[in-house]
């Protein structure tokens, strides 16, 4: 396999990542709309629209801000700082800032109910499709791992065997999807619990994953992504310390 993967359409060359990034957003949104219709959204349409607008605004802002701060040396050398921030993004920053902007907007529109559960599986699906594209870029995008001697390490385009971290994330997301479905069969979760569980699991996963990714490291031994993860985990601290807050009650067994 040669990296980056390029799709040739007549005389036009398109990176596979550009296709999967757009496709992931499209499929994820269509899946969200299908779930919203099937499950009956507890959020009124007007409020849901404002929540979507706030989430998108926060996600765009946060993804660029945290992405631009990932490599401080490169940021300092950039001639056009605004362009540098625009060209660099990370989904983790988008998630964190998207959550915060939604929480700021909800009191303004008078919405008190948790609004994230419907986003969970569409977001996971969109991430999986998007990470396929990240993997297809090899070392030509900031989603590759450090050098590794493990049997599944891969040459991602520079002749060195590396951790295929994009594939690790896809595997994690698939297993989390399955695990969450199994949890829902055993327990009735409180409204908003699914989204909180997804965010806590994903933030922790990204914190650990960054230990096997090349990155700028601050004096405290952590990267920008890991510091963002620590902030995110602190935000969900009470649920991490007391997971029972997310469970309404067990589902009665049909046996016996």
Protein backbone atom coordinates (compact mmCIF):
# COMPACT_ATOMS: atom_id res chain seq x y z
CA UNK A 1 0.00 0.00 0.00
CA UNK A 2 1.37 3.41 -0.99
CA UNK A 3 0.77 6.56 1.04
CA UNK A 4 -0.92 8.92 0.61
CA UNK A 5 -3.75 7.14 -1.19
CA UNK A 6 -4.86 9.18 -4.19
CA UNK A 7 -8.04 8.66 -6.21
CA UNK A 8 -7.56 9.37 -9.91
CA UNK A 9 -10.61 10.70 -11.75
CA UNK A 10 -9.62 11.40 -15.34
CA UNK A 11 -6.97 14.10 -14.93
CA UNK A 12 -8.03 15.03 -11.42
CA UNK A 13 -6.23 13.61 -8.40
CA UNK A 14 -8.14 13.62 -5.11
CA UNK A 15 -6.70 12.40 -1.79
CA UNK A 16 -8.87 9.64 -0.36
CA UNK A 17 -8.91 11.58 2.91
CA UNK A 18 -10.75 14.49 1.30
CA UNK A 19 -13.45 12.06 0.18
CA UNK A 20 -13.81 10.18 3.48
CA UNK A 21 -13.81 13.39 5.53
CA UNK A 22 -16.77 14.74 3.57
CA UNK A 23 -18.44 11.32 3.40
CA UNK A 24 -18.08 10.84 7.16
CA UNK A 25 -19.84 14.13 7.89
CA UNK A 26 -22.59 13.36 5.37
CA UNK A 27 -23.22 9.79 6.56
CA UNK A 28 -23.05 10.80 10.22
CA UNK A 29 -25.58 13.60 9.73
CA UNK A 30 -27.96 11.40 7.73
CA UNK A 31 -27.73 8.74 10.43
CA UNK A 32 -28.49 11.39 13.06
CA UNK A 33 -31.57 12.53 11.14
CA UNK A 34 -32.75 8.92 10.77
CA UNK A 35 -32.30 8.24 14.51
CA UNK A 36 -34.05 11.51 15.40
CA UNK A 37 -37.07 10.49 13.34
CA UNK A 38 -37.07 6.91 14.58
CA UNK A 39 -36.59 7.60 18.29
CA UNK A 40 -38.56 10.88 18.58
CA UNK A 41 -36.29 13.68 19.72
CA UNK A 42 -37.00 14.98 23.24
CA UNK A 43 -35.61 18.36 22.15
CA UNK A 44 -37.95 20.70 20.25
CA UNK A 45 -36.93 21.35 16.65
CA UNK A 46 -36.16 25.06 17.14
CA UNK A 47 -33.93 24.33 20.15
CA UNK A 48 -32.26 21.42 18.33
CA UNK A 49 -31.34 23.75 15.48
CA UNK A 50 -29.74 26.23 17.91
CA UNK A 51 -27.89 23.38 19.60
CA UNK A 52 -26.56 22.18 16.23
CA UNK A 53 -25.45 25.71 15.32
CA UNK A 54 -23.68 26.11 18.68
CA UNK A 55 -22.04 22.69 18.37
CA UNK A 56 -20.77 23.39 14.86
CA UNK A 57 -19.44 26.83 15.83
CA UNK A 58 -17.67 25.45 18.90
CA UNK A 59 -16.31 22.46 16.98
CA UNK A 60 -14.82 24.61 14.22
CA UNK A 61 -13.29 27.04 16.71
CA UNK A 62 -11.97 24.38 19.08
CA UNK A 63 -10.60 22.07 16.41
CA UNK A 64 -8.54 24.90 14.88
CA UNK A 65 -7.41 26.36 18.21
CA UNK A 66 -6.20 23.10 19.73
CA UNK A 67 -4.88 21.87 16.37
CA UNK A 68 -2.83 25.05 15.96
CA UNK A 69 -1.38 24.67 19.45
CA UNK A 70 -0.26 21.06 18.94
CA UNK A 71 3.18 22.05 17.64
CA UNK A 72 4.38 25.24 19.36
CA UNK A 73 7.66 25.32 17.42
CA UNK A 74 5.84 25.20 14.07
CA UNK A 75 3.38 27.83 15.27
CA UNK A 76 6.18 30.21 16.25
CA UNK A 77 7.85 29.75 12.85
CA UNK A 78 4.64 30.30 10.87
CA UNK A 79 4.59 33.60 8.95
CA UNK A 80 0.80 33.78 8.96
CA UNK A 81 -0.47 32.66 12.37
CA UNK A 82 -4.17 32.83 11.43
CA UNK A 83 -3.57 30.71 8.34
CA UNK A 84 -1.60 28.23 10.44
CA UNK A 85 -4.50 27.83 12.87
CA UNK A 86 -6.94 27.43 9.97
CA UNK A 87 -4.83 24.69 8.35
CA UNK A 88 -4.47 22.62 11.53
CA UNK A 89 -7.34 20.91 13.29
CA UNK A 90 -8.09 18.11 15.71
CA UNK A 91 -11.41 16.43 16.41
CA UNK A 92 -10.73 16.38 20.15
CA UNK A 93 -10.67 20.17 20.35
CA UNK A 94 -13.86 20.23 18.30
CA UNK A 95 -15.60 17.92 20.75
CA UNK A 96 -14.55 19.81 23.87
CA UNK A 97 -15.38 23.28 22.56
CA UNK A 98 -18.57 22.03 20.92
CA UNK A 99 -19.79 20.77 24.29
CA UNK A 100 -18.95 24.06 25.99
CA UNK A 101 -20.68 26.24 23.38
CA UNK A 102 -23.81 24.06 23.56
CA UNK A 103 -23.86 24.36 27.35
CA UNK A 104 -23.56 28.16 27.00
CA UNK A 105 -26.43 28.34 24.50
CA UNK A 106 -28.89 26.02 26.29
CA UNK A 107 -29.72 28.44 29.15
CA UNK A 108 -30.27 31.21 26.59
CA UNK A 109 -32.84 29.17 24.66
CA UNK A 110 -34.38 27.75 27.83
CA UNK A 111 -33.36 24.13 27.20
CA UNK A 112 -32.76 22.10 30.36
CA UNK A 113 -32.71 18.57 28.97
CA UNK A 114 -29.48 16.77 28.00
CA UNK A 115 -29.13 16.92 24.24
CA UNK A 116 -26.17 14.72 23.35
CA UNK A 117 -27.47 11.14 23.27
CA UNK A 118 -28.77 11.33 19.69
CA UNK A 119 -25.31 12.39 18.49
CA UNK A 120 -23.44 9.41 19.94
CA UNK A 121 -23.70 6.73 17.25
CA UNK A 122 -23.66 9.21 14.32
CA UNK A 123 -20.46 10.74 15.74
CA UNK A 124 -18.86 7.32 16.15
CA UNK A 125 -19.80 6.40 12.58
CA UNK A 126 -18.48 9.70 11.21
CA UNK A 127 -15.22 9.23 13.12
CA UNK A 128 -14.72 5.72 11.80
CA UNK A 129 -15.18 6.84 8.19
CA UNK A 130 -12.95 9.87 8.76
CA UNK A 131 -10.16 7.83 10.36
CA UNK A 132 -10.06 5.58 7.30
CA UNK A 133 -9.07 8.71 5.42
CA UNK A 134 -6.52 9.68 8.08
CA UNK A 135 -4.92 6.26 7.75
CA UNK A 136 -4.78 6.66 3.98
CA UNK A 137 -2.54 9.74 4.42
CA UNK A 138 0.22 7.81 6.18
CA UNK A 139 2.88 10.16 7.55
CA UNK A 140 1.62 13.02 5.40
CA UNK A 141 -0.82 14.08 8.11
CA UNK A 142 -0.46 14.36 11.89
CA UNK A 143 -2.25 11.06 12.53
CA UNK A 144 0.58 8.55 12.55
CA UNK A 145 2.39 6.80 15.38
CA UNK A 146 5.90 6.50 16.70
CA UNK A 147 8.34 3.84 15.51
CA UNK A 148 7.41 0.37 16.73
CA UNK A 149 8.79 -3.18 16.62
CA UNK A 150 5.38 -4.79 17.09
CA UNK A 151 4.35 -7.39 14.54
CA UNK A 152 1.49 -5.21 13.22
CA UNK A 153 3.59 -2.03 12.85
CA UNK A 154 3.35 -0.57 9.35
CA UNK A 155 5.40 1.45 6.90
CA UNK A 156 3.25 4.55 6.50
CA UNK A 157 5.34 6.16 3.81
CA UNK A 158 8.79 6.89 5.24
CA UNK A 159 10.30 3.39 5.27
CA UNK A 160 9.94 3.03 9.05
CA UNK A 161 7.60 0.68 10.91
CA UNK A 162 5.16 2.72 12.98
CA UNK A 163 2.06 2.35 15.13
CA UNK A 164 -0.99 2.66 12.83
CA UNK A 165 -2.80 4.85 15.36
CA UNK A 166 -5.70 5.63 13.02
CA UNK A 167 -6.48 1.92 12.87
CA UNK A 168 -6.20 1.71 16.66
CA UNK A 169 -8.85 4.41 16.92
CA UNK A 170 -11.16 2.62 14.49
CA UNK A 171 -10.88 -0.58 16.55
CA UNK A 172 -11.53 1.36 19.75
CA UNK A 173 -14.62 3.03 18.28
CA UNK A 174 -16.06 -0.27 17.02
CA UNK A 175 -15.59 -1.95 20.41
CA UNK A 176 -17.01 1.07 22.23
CA UNK A 177 -20.09 0.98 19.98
CA UNK A 178 -20.62 -2.70 20.78
CA UNK A 179 -19.92 -2.18 24.49
CA UNK A 180 -22.38 0.70 24.75
CA UNK A 181 -25.09 -1.35 23.03
CA UNK A 182 -24.52 -4.19 25.50
CA UNK A 183 -24.62 -1.75 28.44
CA UNK A 184 -27.97 -0.39 27.22
CA UNK A 185 -29.38 -3.93 27.25
CA UNK A 186 -28.41 -4.33 30.91
CA UNK A 187 -29.17 -0.87 32.31
CA UNK A 188 -31.59 1.97 31.75
CA UNK A 189 -29.30 4.98 31.45
CA UNK A 190 -30.24 8.50 32.47
CA UNK A 191 -30.80 11.01 29.69
CA UNK A 192 -27.42 12.23 28.46
CA UNK A 193 -25.48 9.27 29.87
CA UNK A 194 -24.59 7.78 26.50
CA UNK A 195 -22.96 11.00 25.34
CA UNK A 196 -21.06 11.43 28.61
CA UNK A 197 -19.82 7.84 28.45
CA UNK A 198 -18.66 8.33 24.87
CA UNK A 199 -16.82 11.54 25.70
CA UNK A 200 -15.14 10.15 28.80
CA UNK A 201 -14.03 7.01 26.97
CA UNK A 202 -12.83 8.91 23.89
CA UNK A 203 -10.96 11.55 25.89
CA UNK A 204 -9.20 8.88 27.96
CA UNK A 205 -8.36 6.92 24.81
CA UNK A 206 -6.86 10.00 23.12
CA UNK A 207 -4.84 10.81 26.25
CA UNK A 208 -3.25 7.35 26.16
CA UNK A 209 -2.89 7.29 22.38
CA UNK A 210 -0.75 10.42 22.36
CA UNK A 211 2.02 8.56 24.20
CA UNK A 212 2.68 6.66 20.97
CA UNK A 213 2.39 9.66 18.63
CA UNK A 214 5.15 12.16 17.78
CA UNK A 215 4.29 15.52 19.31
CA UNK A 216 5.57 18.68 20.93
CA UNK A 217 5.99 17.98 24.64
CA UNK A 218 5.73 20.64 27.34
CA UNK A 219 7.95 20.66 30.43
CA UNK A 220 5.26 18.78 32.38
CA UNK A 221 5.72 15.82 30.02
CA UNK A 222 2.39 16.16 28.23
CA UNK A 223 1.33 17.28 24.76
CA UNK A 224 -1.32 19.87 23.90
CA UNK A 225 -3.78 17.06 23.18
CA UNK A 226 -3.07 15.41 26.52
CA UNK A 227 -3.49 18.68 28.43
CA UNK A 228 -6.82 19.16 26.62
CA UNK A 229 -7.76 15.61 27.64
CA UNK A 230 -6.98 16.35 31.29
CA UNK A 231 -9.25 19.41 31.14
CA UNK A 232 -11.98 17.31 29.50
CA UNK A 233 -11.70 14.55 32.12
CA UNK A 234 -11.87 17.16 34.90
CA UNK A 235 -15.06 18.50 33.29
CA UNK A 236 -16.61 15.02 33.62
CA UNK A 237 -14.93 14.37 36.98
CA UNK A 238 -18.06 13.76 39.05
CA UNK A 239 -19.26 11.07 36.65
CA UNK A 240 -15.86 9.40 36.60
CA UNK A 241 -15.80 9.33 40.42
CA UNK A 242 -19.41 8.16 40.64
CA UNK A 243 -20.54 6.27 37.49
CA UNK A 244 -23.86 5.44 39.17
CA UNK A 245 -24.98 8.98 38.37
CA UNK A 246 -25.33 7.77 34.77
CA UNK A 247 -27.50 4.74 35.56
CA UNK A 248 -31.20 5.03 36.24
CA UNK A 249 -31.77 1.36 37.06
CA UNK A 250 -30.90 -2.16 35.85
CA UNK A 251 -33.18 -3.76 33.27
CA UNK A 252 -35.03 -6.66 34.93
CA UNK A 253 -33.82 -10.08 33.82
CA UNK A 254 -36.25 -12.20 31.81
CA UNK A 255 -34.78 -15.41 33.24
CA UNK A 256 -36.74 -17.30 35.85
